Amino acid sequence: MNTLAVVIACGREEEVAPGTDAGFLTLGNVPILVHPLKTLESTPAVEGIIIAISKKRVDTTIHLIKRYGFAKVKGIVVGGVTRTSTLKTVLAKLPETPSIIVIHEASRPFTARDVFEETIKSSKRYGCSIAAHKLPDSVKIAPKGMKVAETLERNTAWVAETPQAYKLDVLEKLINDKGAKVIDDESEYVRKPAEVHMVESGPLNIKIRGSEDLAIATALMNAKLV
């Protein structure tokens, strides 16, 4: 297998409230998780999918796979509380050894197929590629309260998102590095020897973190903007 997608639907980063996983909320009459799975299923570059879920979601996820006929799903894995622990579990249970692994959050339902394709393509060249969106406004850095320590110029700051694609050896080194952080949308994802390449994801690659985000996502669907 050349490219395997890992859809993360568990852990603290995927909870909109304690015990409530974003991927299993309803958006457009189906669970949010179904949306990225449909896109990945139709993405030619993706050959297989692993879904990482919490233990209580196993039966529901099996039902969704069967109901929507997700033929590319190779298995489900019960993940951990953190992104790193989940990825370690996934890598330990891979059905085949892929060249590229794509990590995607279930809580991002509107990621375009061409973003997946370009992220995968770039990771083959650079070792790591992440979807990101350029901020058009100037950004203030304030590490301590409301006091501005630094101002970044317009069009120089990017919001790191998913999908994020890695060569297998790069990802293995990363998650086994005790000093590296693998967290929600912002991290020291890769240090040498890999170079990180960004792919513009566009403004619609939103993450659902709460009720306001879900309302925005519903409005976008109702307006047929996604």
N, C-alpha and C. Protein backbone atom coordinates (compact mmCIF):
# COMPACT_ATOMS: atom_id res chain seq x y z
N MET A 1 0.85 -1.20 0.00
CA MET A 1 0.00 0.00 0.00
C MET A 1 0.88 1.25 0.00
N ASN A 2 0.57 2.19 -0.85
CA ASN A 2 1.37 3.40 -0.95
C ASN A 2 0.93 4.47 0.04
N THR A 3 -0.38 4.77 0.10
CA THR A 3 -0.87 5.85 0.95
C THR A 3 -2.04 5.40 1.81
N LEU A 4 -1.89 5.60 3.11
CA LEU A 4 -2.93 5.25 4.09
C LEU A 4 -3.37 6.50 4.82
N ALA A 5 -4.67 6.71 4.91
CA ALA A 5 -5.22 7.84 5.66
C ALA A 5 -5.64 7.38 7.05
N VAL A 6 -5.29 8.14 8.06
CA VAL A 6 -5.72 7.87 9.43
C VAL A 6 -6.64 9.01 9.85
N VAL A 7 -7.90 8.67 10.08
CA VAL A 7 -8.89 9.67 10.49
C VAL A 7 -9.02 9.61 12.00
N ILE A 8 -8.66 10.70 12.68
CA ILE A 8 -8.70 10.76 14.13
C ILE A 8 -10.07 11.26 14.59
N ALA A 9 -10.80 10.40 15.27
CA ALA A 9 -12.14 10.77 15.75
C ALA A 9 -12.26 10.59 17.26
N CYS A 10 -11.12 10.65 17.95
CA CYS A 10 -11.13 10.48 19.41
C CYS A 10 -10.05 11.35 20.03
N GLY A 11 -10.03 11.40 21.35
CA GLY A 11 -9.03 12.19 22.06
C GLY A 11 -9.54 13.57 22.44
N ARG A 12 -8.78 14.23 23.27
CA ARG A 12 -9.22 15.54 23.78
C ARG A 12 -9.45 16.54 22.67
N GLU A 13 -8.60 16.50 21.63
CA GLU A 13 -8.71 17.49 20.55
C GLU A 13 -9.99 17.33 19.75
N GLU A 14 -10.59 16.14 19.82
CA GLU A 14 -11.79 15.88 19.03
C GLU A 14 -13.07 15.98 19.85
N GLU A 15 -12.96 16.35 21.12
CA GLU A 15 -14.14 16.49 21.97
C GLU A 15 -14.66 17.93 21.91
N VAL A 16 -15.96 18.07 21.72
CA VAL A 16 -16.58 19.39 21.80
C VAL A 16 -17.05 19.67 23.22
N ALA A 17 -17.17 18.60 24.00
CA ALA A 17 -17.51 18.65 25.42
C ALA A 17 -17.07 17.31 26.00
N PRO A 18 -16.86 17.22 27.30
CA PRO A 18 -16.45 15.95 27.88
C PRO A 18 -17.38 14.80 27.49
N GLY A 19 -16.82 13.78 26.86
CA GLY A 19 -17.62 12.62 26.46
C GLY A 19 -18.36 12.77 25.15
N THR A 20 -18.20 13.93 24.50
CA THR A 20 -18.90 14.17 23.23
C THR A 20 -17.87 14.37 22.11
N ASP A 21 -17.74 13.38 21.25
CA ASP A 21 -16.79 13.45 20.14
C ASP A 21 -17.41 14.18 18.95
N ALA A 22 -16.70 15.17 18.43
CA ALA A 22 -17.22 16.00 17.34
C ALA A 22 -17.63 15.16 16.14
N GLY A 23 -16.86 14.14 15.83
CA GLY A 23 -17.13 13.35 14.63
C GLY A 23 -18.46 12.63 14.62
N PHE A 24 -19.11 12.55 15.79
CA PHE A 24 -20.37 11.82 15.86
C PHE A 24 -21.57 12.74 16.08
N LEU A 25 -21.34 14.05 16.01
CA LEU A 25 -22.46 15.00 15.97
C LEU A 25 -23.06 14.97 14.56
N THR A 26 -24.26 15.44 14.44
CA THR A 26 -24.96 15.40 13.15
C THR A 26 -24.73 16.68 12.35
N LEU A 27 -24.36 16.50 11.10
CA LEU A 27 -24.19 17.61 10.18
C LEU A 27 -24.77 17.20 8.83
N GLY A 28 -25.82 17.87 8.40
CA GLY A 28 -26.46 17.51 7.14
C GLY A 28 -27.09 16.12 7.19
N ASN A 29 -27.68 15.79 8.32
CA ASN A 29 -28.40 14.52 8.52
C ASN A 29 -27.51 13.29 8.63
N VAL A 30 -26.20 13.48 8.69
CA VAL A 30 -25.29 12.35 8.89
C VAL A 30 -24.23 12.75 9.92
N PRO A 31 -23.61 11.79 10.58
CA PRO A 31 -22.51 12.14 11.50
C PRO A 31 -21.40 12.87 10.78
N ILE A 32 -20.77 13.82 11.44
CA ILE A 32 -19.70 14.61 10.85
C ILE A 32 -18.61 13.72 10.26
N LEU A 33 -18.30 12.63 10.92
CA LEU A 33 -17.27 11.70 10.47
C LEU A 33 -17.51 11.20 9.04
N VAL A 34 -18.75 11.08 8.66
CA VAL A 34 -19.09 10.56 7.33
C VAL A 34 -18.56 11.47 6.22
N HIS A 35 -18.54 12.77 6.45
CA HIS A 35 -18.15 13.72 5.41
C HIS A 35 -16.69 13.53 4.97
N PRO A 36 -15.71 13.56 5.89
CA PRO A 36 -14.34 13.32 5.41
C PRO A 36 -14.12 11.91 4.88
N LEU A 37 -14.85 10.93 5.42
CA LEU A 37 -14.71 9.57 4.91
C LEU A 37 -15.18 9.47 3.46
N LYS A 38 -16.24 10.17 3.12
CA LYS A 38 -16.73 10.17 1.74
C LYS A 38 -15.68 10.80 0.81
N THR A 39 -15.06 11.89 1.26
CA THR A 39 -14.05 12.54 0.43
C THR A 39 -12.83 11.65 0.24
N LEU A 40 -12.38 11.03 1.32
CA LEU A 40 -11.23 10.13 1.23
C LEU A 40 -11.54 8.92 0.36
N GLU A 41 -12.75 8.43 0.45
CA GLU A 41 -13.17 7.29 -0.36
C GLU A 41 -13.07 7.61 -1.84
N SER A 42 -13.30 8.88 -2.20
CA SER A 42 -13.28 9.29 -3.61
C SER A 42 -11.95 9.89 -4.04
N THR A 43 -10.95 9.88 -3.15
CA THR A 43 -9.65 10.45 -3.46
C THR A 43 -8.74 9.36 -4.03
N PRO A 44 -8.38 9.43 -5.31
CA PRO A 44 -7.59 8.35 -5.93
C PRO A 44 -6.28 8.05 -5.24
N ALA A 45 -5.61 9.07 -4.71
CA ALA A 45 -4.30 8.85 -4.10
C ALA A 45 -4.35 8.07 -2.79
N VAL A 46 -5.52 8.03 -2.17
CA VAL A 46 -5.68 7.30 -0.90
C VAL A 46 -6.12 5.87 -1.19
N GLU A 47 -5.32 4.92 -0.70
CA GLU A 47 -5.61 3.52 -0.98
C GLU A 47 -6.27 2.80 0.20
N GLY A 48 -6.11 3.33 1.39
CA GLY A 48 -6.70 2.69 2.56
C GLY A 48 -6.97 3.72 3.64
N ILE A 49 -7.88 3.37 4.56
CA ILE A 49 -8.26 4.28 5.64
C ILE A 49 -8.31 3.50 6.95
N ILE A 50 -7.75 4.08 8.00
CA ILE A 50 -7.90 3.57 9.35
C ILE A 50 -8.63 4.64 10.15
N ILE A 51 -9.62 4.27 10.94
CA ILE A 51 -10.36 5.22 11.76
C ILE A 51 -10.00 4.99 13.22
N ALA A 52 -9.54 6.03 13.89
CA ALA A 52 -9.21 5.96 15.31
C ALA A 52 -10.37 6.54 16.12
N ILE A 53 -10.93 5.73 16.99
CA ILE A 53 -12.13 6.12 17.73
C ILE A 53 -11.99 5.76 19.20
N SER A 54 -12.90 6.24 20.01
CA SER A 54 -12.95 5.83 21.41
C SER A 54 -13.67 4.49 21.51
N LYS A 55 -13.46 3.77 22.58
CA LYS A 55 -14.00 2.43 22.74
C LYS A 55 -15.53 2.41 22.62
N LYS A 56 -16.17 3.45 23.14
CA LYS A 56 -17.63 3.48 23.15
C LYS A 56 -18.22 3.70 21.76
N ARG A 57 -17.37 4.07 20.78
CA ARG A 57 -17.87 4.37 19.43
C ARG A 57 -17.64 3.21 18.44
N VAL A 58 -17.15 2.09 18.92
CA VAL A 58 -16.81 0.99 18.01
C VAL A 58 -18.03 0.51 17.23
N ASP A 59 -19.10 0.17 17.91
CA ASP A 59 -20.29 -0.37 17.23
C ASP A 59 -20.88 0.64 16.25
N THR A 60 -20.94 1.91 16.67
CA THR A 60 -21.48 2.95 15.81
C THR A 60 -20.65 3.09 14.54
N THR A 61 -19.32 3.05 14.69
CA THR A 61 -18.43 3.22 13.54
C THR A 61 -18.55 2.04 12.58
N ILE A 62 -18.63 0.84 13.10
CA ILE A 62 -18.81 -0.34 12.25
C ILE A 62 -20.11 -0.21 11.45
N HIS A 63 -21.15 0.27 12.10
CA HIS A 63 -22.44 0.47 11.41
C HIS A 63 -22.31 1.49 10.29
N LEU A 64 -21.59 2.60 10.54
CA LEU A 64 -21.43 3.64 9.52
C LEU A 64 -20.64 3.11 8.31
N ILE A 65 -19.61 2.34 8.58
CA ILE A 65 -18.80 1.78 7.49
C ILE A 65 -19.67 0.91 6.58
N LYS A 66 -20.50 0.08 7.19
CA LYS A 66 -21.36 -0.81 6.41
C LYS A 66 -22.46 -0.03 5.70
N ARG A 67 -23.05 0.91 6.41
CA ARG A 67 -24.19 1.66 5.84
C ARG A 67 -23.78 2.45 4.61
N TYR A 68 -22.61 3.09 4.66
CA TYR A 68 -22.20 3.96 3.56
C TYR A 68 -21.22 3.28 2.60
N GLY A 69 -20.92 2.03 2.85
CA GLY A 69 -20.10 1.27 1.92
C GLY A 69 -18.69 1.79 1.74
N PHE A 70 -18.03 2.13 2.84
CA PHE A 70 -16.67 2.67 2.77
C PHE A 70 -15.69 1.52 2.54
N ALA A 71 -15.45 1.22 1.28
CA ALA A 71 -14.64 0.05 0.91
C ALA A 71 -13.16 0.23 1.23
N LYS A 72 -12.71 1.49 1.33
CA LYS A 72 -11.29 1.72 1.60
C LYS A 72 -10.92 1.57 3.07
N VAL A 73 -11.91 1.51 3.94
CA VAL A 73 -11.61 1.37 5.38
C VAL A 73 -11.04 -0.01 5.64
N LYS A 74 -9.80 -0.04 6.13
CA LYS A 74 -9.11 -1.29 6.39
C LYS A 74 -9.24 -1.75 7.85
N GLY A 75 -9.71 -0.84 8.69
CA GLY A 75 -9.87 -1.22 10.09
C GLY A 75 -10.16 -0.03 10.96
N ILE A 76 -10.52 -0.30 12.21
CA ILE A 76 -10.71 0.74 13.21
C ILE A 76 -9.80 0.43 14.39
N VAL A 77 -9.34 1.49 15.04
CA VAL A 77 -8.42 1.36 16.16
C VAL A 77 -8.96 2.18 17.32
N VAL A 78 -8.94 1.62 18.51
CA VAL A 78 -9.32 2.38 19.70
C VAL A 78 -8.13 3.24 20.10
N GLY A 79 -8.30 4.54 19.98
CA GLY A 79 -7.21 5.47 20.22
C GLY A 79 -7.10 5.88 21.67
N GLY A 80 -6.11 6.74 21.94
CA GLY A 80 -5.87 7.22 23.29
C GLY A 80 -6.38 8.63 23.50
N VAL A 81 -5.95 9.21 24.62
CA VAL A 81 -6.38 10.56 24.98
C VAL A 81 -5.65 11.60 24.15
N THR A 82 -4.38 11.34 23.83
CA THR A 82 -3.58 12.30 23.08
C THR A 82 -3.38 11.84 21.64
N ARG A 83 -3.02 12.77 20.79
CA ARG A 83 -2.76 12.45 19.39
C ARG A 83 -1.58 11.50 19.27
N THR A 84 -0.54 11.73 20.07
CA THR A 84 0.65 10.89 19.98
C THR A 84 0.34 9.44 20.36
N SER A 85 -0.38 9.24 21.46
CA SER A 85 -0.69 7.88 21.89
C SER A 85 -1.56 7.16 20.87
N THR A 86 -2.47 7.89 20.25
CA THR A 86 -3.32 7.29 19.21
C THR A 86 -2.50 6.86 18.01
N LEU A 87 -1.58 7.72 17.58
CA LEU A 87 -0.77 7.39 16.41
C LEU A 87 0.17 6.22 16.69
N LYS A 88 0.69 6.13 17.89
CA LYS A 88 1.52 4.99 18.25
C LYS A 88 0.72 3.69 18.16
N THR A 89 -0.52 3.72 18.61
CA THR A 89 -1.38 2.54 18.53
C THR A 89 -1.66 2.17 17.08
N VAL A 90 -1.94 3.18 16.27
CA VAL A 90 -2.22 2.94 14.85
C VAL A 90 -1.01 2.30 14.17
N LEU A 91 0.17 2.87 14.38
CA LEU A 91 1.37 2.36 13.72
C LEU A 91 1.69 0.93 14.17
N ALA A 92 1.33 0.59 15.39
CA ALA A 92 1.59 -0.76 15.89
C ALA A 92 0.64 -1.79 15.30
N LYS A 93 -0.47 -1.31 14.70
CA LYS A 93 -1.49 -2.23 14.20
C LYS A 93 -1.76 -2.07 12.70
N LEU A 94 -0.81 -1.52 11.98
CA LEU A 94 -1.02 -1.32 10.54
C LEU A 94 -1.21 -2.65 9.83
N PRO A 95 -2.25 -2.76 9.00
CA PRO A 95 -2.47 -4.01 8.26
C PRO A 95 -1.42 -4.23 7.18
N GLU A 96 -0.91 -3.13 6.63
CA GLU A 96 0.16 -3.16 5.64
C GLU A 96 1.09 -2.00 5.93
N THR A 97 2.27 -2.01 5.33
CA THR A 97 3.23 -0.92 5.54
C THR A 97 3.13 0.09 4.41
N PRO A 98 2.56 1.27 4.67
CA PRO A 98 2.43 2.27 3.62
C PRO A 98 3.68 3.12 3.49
N SER A 99 3.82 3.78 2.36
CA SER A 99 4.92 4.72 2.17
C SER A 99 4.57 6.08 2.76
N ILE A 100 3.28 6.46 2.63
CA ILE A 100 2.80 7.76 3.10
C ILE A 100 1.62 7.55 4.04
N ILE A 101 1.62 8.29 5.14
CA ILE A 101 0.47 8.28 6.05
C ILE A 101 -0.11 9.69 6.11
N VAL A 102 -1.40 9.78 5.90
CA VAL A 102 -2.12 11.05 5.96
C VAL A 102 -2.95 11.08 7.24
N ILE A 103 -2.73 12.09 8.05
CA ILE A 103 -3.49 12.24 9.29
C ILE A 103 -4.55 13.31 9.07
N HIS A 104 -5.79 12.98 9.42
CA HIS A 104 -6.87 13.96 9.25
C HIS A 104 -7.82 13.89 10.44
N GLU A 105 -8.29 15.06 10.85
CA GLU A 105 -9.24 15.15 11.96
C GLU A 105 -10.66 14.95 11.45
N ALA A 106 -11.40 14.09 12.14
CA ALA A 106 -12.79 13.85 11.76
C ALA A 106 -13.62 15.12 11.87
N SER A 107 -13.20 16.03 12.71
CA SER A 107 -13.94 17.27 12.95
C SER A 107 -13.77 18.31 11.86
N ARG A 108 -13.03 17.97 10.79
CA ARG A 108 -12.92 18.86 9.62
C ARG A 108 -13.69 18.20 8.47
N PRO A 109 -14.96 18.54 8.32
CA PRO A 109 -15.80 17.83 7.34
C PRO A 109 -15.68 18.30 5.90
N PHE A 110 -15.13 19.50 5.67
CA PHE A 110 -15.22 20.09 4.34
C PHE A 110 -13.89 20.11 3.57
N THR A 111 -12.92 19.36 4.01
CA THR A 111 -11.64 19.35 3.30
C THR A 111 -11.82 18.86 1.87
N ALA A 112 -11.32 19.62 0.93
CA ALA A 112 -11.51 19.30 -0.49
C ALA A 112 -10.59 18.15 -0.92
N ARG A 113 -11.04 17.40 -1.89
CA ARG A 113 -10.27 16.27 -2.38
C ARG A 113 -8.92 16.72 -2.92
N ASP A 114 -8.88 17.87 -3.61
CA ASP A 114 -7.61 18.31 -4.17
C ASP A 114 -6.61 18.71 -3.09
N VAL A 115 -7.11 19.09 -1.90
CA VAL A 115 -6.21 19.38 -0.79
C VAL A 115 -5.55 18.10 -0.31
N PHE A 116 -6.33 17.03 -0.19
CA PHE A 116 -5.74 15.72 0.14
C PHE A 116 -4.71 15.32 -0.90
N GLU A 117 -5.07 15.44 -2.15
CA GLU A 117 -4.18 15.03 -3.23
C GLU A 117 -2.87 15.81 -3.21
N GLU A 118 -2.95 17.13 -3.05
CA GLU A 118 -1.76 17.96 -3.09
C GLU A 118 -0.89 17.74 -1.85
N THR A 119 -1.53 17.52 -0.71
CA THR A 119 -0.77 17.26 0.52
C THR A 119 0.02 15.97 0.39
N ILE A 120 -0.62 14.95 -0.16
CA ILE A 120 0.07 13.67 -0.38
C ILE A 120 1.23 13.83 -1.36
N LYS A 121 0.96 14.53 -2.45
CA LYS A 121 1.99 14.75 -3.46
C LYS A 121 3.20 15.47 -2.87
N SER A 122 2.94 16.50 -2.08
CA SER A 122 4.03 17.29 -1.50
C SER A 122 4.82 16.50 -0.46
N SER A 123 4.14 15.64 0.28
CA SER A 123 4.84 14.86 1.31
C SER A 123 5.84 13.90 0.69
N LYS A 124 5.54 13.41 -0.50
CA LYS A 124 6.47 12.51 -1.19
C LYS A 124 7.76 13.23 -1.55
N ARG A 125 7.66 14.52 -1.77
CA ARG A 125 8.84 15.30 -2.14
C ARG A 125 9.59 15.84 -0.92
N TYR A 126 8.83 16.34 0.08
CA TYR A 126 9.46 17.02 1.20
C TYR A 126 9.57 16.18 2.48
N GLY A 127 8.84 15.08 2.56
CA GLY A 127 8.85 14.28 3.78
C GLY A 127 7.67 14.56 4.67
N CYS A 128 7.22 15.81 4.68
CA CYS A 128 6.04 16.21 5.46
C CYS A 128 5.35 17.36 4.75
N SER A 129 4.03 17.29 4.70
CA SER A 129 3.25 18.36 4.10
C SER A 129 1.99 18.56 4.91
N ILE A 130 1.66 19.81 5.20
CA ILE A 130 0.47 20.09 6.00
C ILE A 130 -0.44 21.08 5.30
N ALA A 131 -1.74 20.85 5.46
CA ALA A 131 -2.71 21.81 4.98
C ALA A 131 -2.69 23.02 5.91
N ALA A 132 -2.78 24.21 5.35
CA ALA A 132 -2.74 25.42 6.15
C ALA A 132 -3.47 26.53 5.41
N HIS A 133 -3.89 27.52 6.17
CA HIS A 133 -4.61 28.65 5.55
C HIS A 133 -3.92 29.95 5.94
N LYS A 134 -3.58 30.74 4.92
CA LYS A 134 -2.89 32.00 5.17
C LYS A 134 -3.85 33.05 5.74
N LEU A 135 -3.41 33.70 6.82
CA LEU A 135 -4.23 34.74 7.44
C LEU A 135 -4.00 36.07 6.72
N PRO A 136 -5.06 36.73 6.26
CA PRO A 136 -4.88 37.97 5.51
C PRO A 136 -4.57 39.17 6.39
N ASP A 137 -4.79 39.06 7.69
CA ASP A 137 -4.59 40.19 8.61
C ASP A 137 -3.25 40.08 9.32
N SER A 138 -2.82 41.19 9.88
CA SER A 138 -1.62 41.15 10.71
C SER A 138 -1.94 40.38 11.99
N VAL A 139 -0.94 39.72 12.55
CA VAL A 139 -1.14 38.87 13.72
C VAL A 139 -0.32 39.41 14.88
N LYS A 140 -0.94 39.49 16.05
CA LYS A 140 -0.27 39.94 17.25
C LYS A 140 0.15 38.73 18.09
N ILE A 141 1.39 38.72 18.53
CA ILE A 141 1.89 37.67 19.42
C ILE A 141 1.88 38.22 20.84
N ALA A 142 1.12 37.57 21.72
CA ALA A 142 1.01 38.02 23.11
C ALA A 142 1.09 36.81 24.03
N PRO A 143 2.31 36.32 24.29
CA PRO A 143 2.45 35.12 25.12
C PRO A 143 2.05 35.31 26.57
N LYS A 144 2.03 36.57 27.03
CA LYS A 144 1.66 36.84 28.42
C LYS A 144 0.50 37.82 28.47
N GLY A 145 -0.71 37.28 28.61
CA GLY A 145 -1.88 38.14 28.75
C GLY A 145 -2.17 38.93 27.50
N MET A 146 -2.49 40.23 27.69
CA MET A 146 -2.93 41.08 26.59
C MET A 146 -1.84 42.02 26.10
N LYS A 147 -0.60 41.80 26.54
CA LYS A 147 0.50 42.66 26.13
C LYS A 147 1.14 42.12 24.86
N VAL A 148 1.16 42.96 23.82
CA VAL A 148 1.72 42.54 22.53
C VAL A 148 3.24 42.50 22.59
N ALA A 149 3.78 41.34 22.24
CA ALA A 149 5.23 41.18 22.23
C ALA A 149 5.79 41.29 20.83
N GLU A 150 4.96 40.97 19.84
CA GLU A 150 5.44 40.97 18.46
C GLU A 150 4.26 41.09 17.52
N THR A 151 4.47 41.74 16.39
CA THR A 151 3.46 41.84 15.34
C THR A 151 4.00 41.24 14.06
N LEU A 152 3.24 40.30 13.50
CA LEU A 152 3.64 39.70 12.23
C LEU A 152 2.98 40.44 11.08
N GLU A 153 3.68 40.58 10.00
CA GLU A 153 3.14 41.29 8.85
C GLU A 153 1.99 40.51 8.23
N ARG A 154 1.12 41.24 7.54
CA ARG A 154 0.01 40.60 6.83
C ARG A 154 0.54 39.57 5.84
N ASN A 155 -0.22 38.50 5.70
CA ASN A 155 0.09 37.45 4.72
C ASN A 155 1.39 36.69 5.01
N THR A 156 1.86 36.73 6.26
CA THR A 156 3.04 35.93 6.61
C THR A 156 2.70 34.83 7.61
N ALA A 157 1.53 34.89 8.23
CA ALA A 157 1.13 33.89 9.23
C ALA A 157 0.12 32.90 8.63
N TRP A 158 0.29 31.66 8.99
CA TRP A 158 -0.59 30.59 8.50
C TRP A 158 -1.18 29.82 9.68
N VAL A 159 -2.42 29.35 9.52
CA VAL A 159 -3.04 28.48 10.50
C VAL A 159 -2.81 27.03 10.07
N ALA A 160 -2.11 26.26 10.88
CA ALA A 160 -1.84 24.86 10.54
C ALA A 160 -3.08 24.01 10.79
N GLU A 161 -3.42 23.16 9.83
CA GLU A 161 -4.64 22.36 9.90
C GLU A 161 -4.33 20.91 9.54
N THR A 162 -5.34 20.15 9.25
CA THR A 162 -5.16 18.83 8.64
C THR A 162 -5.96 18.84 7.34
N PRO A 163 -5.56 17.98 6.39
CA PRO A 163 -4.68 16.82 6.48
C PRO A 163 -3.21 17.20 6.59
N GLN A 164 -2.46 16.26 7.20
CA GLN A 164 -1.02 16.37 7.29
C GLN A 164 -0.46 15.02 6.85
N ALA A 165 0.41 15.05 5.88
CA ALA A 165 0.92 13.81 5.29
C ALA A 165 2.41 13.67 5.56
N TYR A 166 2.83 12.43 5.82
CA TYR A 166 4.22 12.14 6.17
C TYR A 166 4.72 10.90 5.45
N LYS A 167 6.00 10.91 5.13
CA LYS A 167 6.64 9.65 4.81
C LYS A 167 6.66 8.84 6.11
N LEU A 168 6.51 7.53 5.99
CA LEU A 168 6.38 6.69 7.17
C LEU A 168 7.55 6.86 8.14
N ASP A 169 8.76 6.88 7.64
CA ASP A 169 9.91 6.98 8.53
C ASP A 169 9.95 8.31 9.26
N VAL A 170 9.49 9.38 8.61
CA VAL A 170 9.44 10.69 9.26
C VAL A 170 8.45 10.68 10.41
N LEU A 171 7.27 10.11 10.19
CA LEU A 171 6.26 10.06 11.24
C LEU A 171 6.71 9.18 12.40
N GLU A 172 7.33 8.07 12.10
CA GLU A 172 7.82 7.18 13.16
C GLU A 172 8.85 7.88 14.04
N LYS A 173 9.75 8.63 13.43
CA LYS A 173 10.75 9.36 14.21
C LYS A 173 10.09 10.43 15.07
N LEU A 174 9.08 11.07 14.51
CA LEU A 174 8.39 12.14 15.23
C LEU A 174 7.68 11.64 16.47
N ILE A 175 6.87 10.59 16.32
CA ILE A 175 6.07 10.16 17.47
C ILE A 175 6.90 9.43 18.52
N ASN A 176 8.10 9.02 18.14
CA ASN A 176 8.99 8.38 19.12
C ASN A 176 9.96 9.37 19.75
N ASP A 177 9.87 10.62 19.34
CA ASP A 177 10.70 11.68 19.89
C ASP A 177 9.98 12.26 21.10
N LYS A 178 10.50 12.01 22.30
CA LYS A 178 9.84 12.45 23.53
C LYS A 178 9.77 13.96 23.64
N GLY A 179 10.61 14.66 22.91
CA GLY A 179 10.60 16.11 23.00
C GLY A 179 9.65 16.79 22.04
N ALA A 180 9.10 16.02 21.10
CA ALA A 180 8.22 16.62 20.09
C ALA A 180 6.78 16.61 20.56
N LYS A 181 6.03 17.60 20.13
CA LYS A 181 4.61 17.68 20.46
C LYS A 181 3.79 17.37 19.21
N VAL A 182 2.81 16.50 19.37
CA VAL A 182 1.88 16.24 18.28
C VAL A 182 0.51 16.58 18.85
N ILE A 183 0.06 17.81 18.60
CA ILE A 183 -1.18 18.26 19.21
C ILE A 183 -2.17 18.67 18.14
N ASP A 184 -3.11 19.47 18.52
CA ASP A 184 -4.27 19.74 17.69
C ASP A 184 -3.91 20.33 16.33
N ASP A 185 -3.80 21.63 16.21
CA ASP A 185 -3.58 22.27 14.91
C ASP A 185 -2.28 23.03 14.83
N GLU A 186 -1.51 23.03 15.88
CA GLU A 186 -0.31 23.84 15.90
C GLU A 186 0.75 23.03 16.62
N SER A 187 1.85 22.80 16.01
CA SER A 187 2.85 21.96 16.65
C SER A 187 4.21 22.09 16.01
N GLU A 188 5.19 21.50 16.65
CA GLU A 188 6.54 21.42 16.11
C GLU A 188 6.57 20.16 15.26
N TYR A 189 5.67 20.00 14.33
CA TYR A 189 5.43 18.68 13.76
C TYR A 189 6.69 17.97 13.31
N VAL A 190 7.51 18.63 12.57
CA VAL A 190 8.70 17.93 12.07
C VAL A 190 9.90 18.85 12.19
N ARG A 191 10.96 18.31 12.70
CA ARG A 191 12.23 18.99 12.69
C ARG A 191 13.13 18.23 11.74
N LYS A 192 14.36 18.66 11.53
CA LYS A 192 15.28 17.97 10.64
C LYS A 192 15.20 16.47 10.93
N PRO A 193 15.31 15.58 9.92
CA PRO A 193 15.81 15.86 8.58
C PRO A 193 14.73 16.23 7.57
N ALA A 194 13.49 16.34 7.97
CA ALA A 194 12.43 16.60 6.99
C ALA A 194 12.14 18.10 6.90
N GLU A 195 11.73 18.52 5.74
CA GLU A 195 11.28 19.89 5.54
C GLU A 195 9.76 19.87 5.51
N VAL A 196 9.15 20.87 6.13
CA VAL A 196 7.70 20.95 6.15
C VAL A 196 7.23 21.83 5.00
N HIS A 197 6.32 21.30 4.20
CA HIS A 197 5.77 22.06 3.09
C HIS A 197 4.29 22.31 3.37
N MET A 198 3.81 23.52 3.09
CA MET A 198 2.40 23.84 3.33
C MET A 198 1.60 23.83 2.04
N VAL A 199 0.35 23.42 2.17
CA VAL A 199 -0.60 23.41 1.06
C VAL A 199 -1.78 24.28 1.47
N GLU A 200 -2.13 25.25 0.66
CA GLU A 200 -3.26 26.13 0.98
C GLU A 200 -4.55 25.33 1.00
N SER A 201 -5.24 25.40 2.14
CA SER A 201 -6.47 24.61 2.32
C SER A 201 -7.74 25.41 2.06
N GLY A 202 -7.62 26.74 2.06
CA GLY A 202 -8.79 27.57 1.84
C GLY A 202 -9.56 27.83 3.12
N PRO A 203 -10.45 28.83 3.11
CA PRO A 203 -11.16 29.24 4.32
C PRO A 203 -12.26 28.28 4.79
N LEU A 204 -12.63 27.31 3.96
CA LEU A 204 -13.74 26.42 4.32
C LEU A 204 -13.29 25.15 5.04
N ASN A 205 -12.00 25.01 5.24
CA ASN A 205 -11.49 23.81 5.92
C ASN A 205 -11.59 23.99 7.44
N ILE A 206 -12.79 24.27 7.89
CA ILE A 206 -13.01 24.62 9.30
C ILE A 206 -13.01 23.38 10.19
N LYS A 207 -12.70 23.61 11.46
CA LYS A 207 -12.76 22.55 12.46
C LYS A 207 -13.93 22.81 13.39
N ILE A 208 -14.70 21.79 13.68
CA ILE A 208 -15.86 21.93 14.56
C ILE A 208 -15.41 21.64 15.99
N ARG A 209 -15.37 22.70 16.78
CA ARG A 209 -14.94 22.59 18.18
C ARG A 209 -16.07 22.81 19.16
N GLY A 210 -17.19 23.32 18.68
CA GLY A 210 -18.31 23.62 19.57
C GLY A 210 -19.56 23.95 18.79
N SER A 211 -20.58 24.39 19.50
CA SER A 211 -21.90 24.64 18.89
C SER A 211 -21.85 25.75 17.85
N GLU A 212 -21.02 26.78 18.07
CA GLU A 212 -20.94 27.87 17.09
C GLU A 212 -20.36 27.36 15.77
N ASP A 213 -19.33 26.56 15.85
CA ASP A 213 -18.73 26.00 14.63
C ASP A 213 -19.72 25.10 13.90
N LEU A 214 -20.49 24.32 14.67
CA LEU A 214 -21.47 23.44 14.05
C LEU A 214 -22.56 24.25 13.35
N ALA A 215 -22.95 25.36 13.96
CA ALA A 215 -23.96 26.23 13.33
C ALA A 215 -23.43 26.84 12.04
N ILE A 216 -22.16 27.24 12.04
CA ILE A 216 -21.54 27.79 10.83
C ILE A 216 -21.47 26.73 9.74
N ALA A 217 -21.05 25.52 10.11
CA ALA A 217 -20.96 24.43 9.14
C ALA A 217 -22.32 24.10 8.55
N THR A 218 -23.35 24.10 9.38
CA THR A 218 -24.70 23.83 8.90
C THR A 218 -25.17 24.91 7.94
N ALA A 219 -24.85 26.16 8.26
CA ALA A 219 -25.24 27.28 7.39
C ALA A 219 -24.52 27.18 6.04
N LEU A 220 -23.26 26.79 6.05
CA LEU A 220 -22.50 26.63 4.80
C LEU A 220 -23.12 25.55 3.93
N MET A 221 -23.54 24.47 4.57
CA MET A 221 -24.18 23.37 3.81
C MET A 221 -25.53 23.82 3.26
N ASN A 222 -26.30 24.50 4.09
CA ASN A 222 -27.63 24.95 3.65
C ASN A 222 -27.54 25.94 2.49
N ALA A 223 -26.48 26.73 2.50
CA ALA A 223 -26.27 27.70 1.42
C ALA A 223 -25.56 27.09 0.22
N LYS A 224 -25.27 25.78 0.31
CA LYS A 224 -24.60 25.03 -0.76
C LYS A 224 -23.26 25.65 -1.14
N LEU A 225 -22.52 26.09 -0.11
CA LEU A 225 -21.19 26.65 -0.31
C LEU A 225 -20.11 25.58 -0.17
N VAL A 226 -20.50 24.41 0.30
CA VAL A 226 -19.55 23.29 0.45
C VAL A 226 -20.17 22.03 -0.15
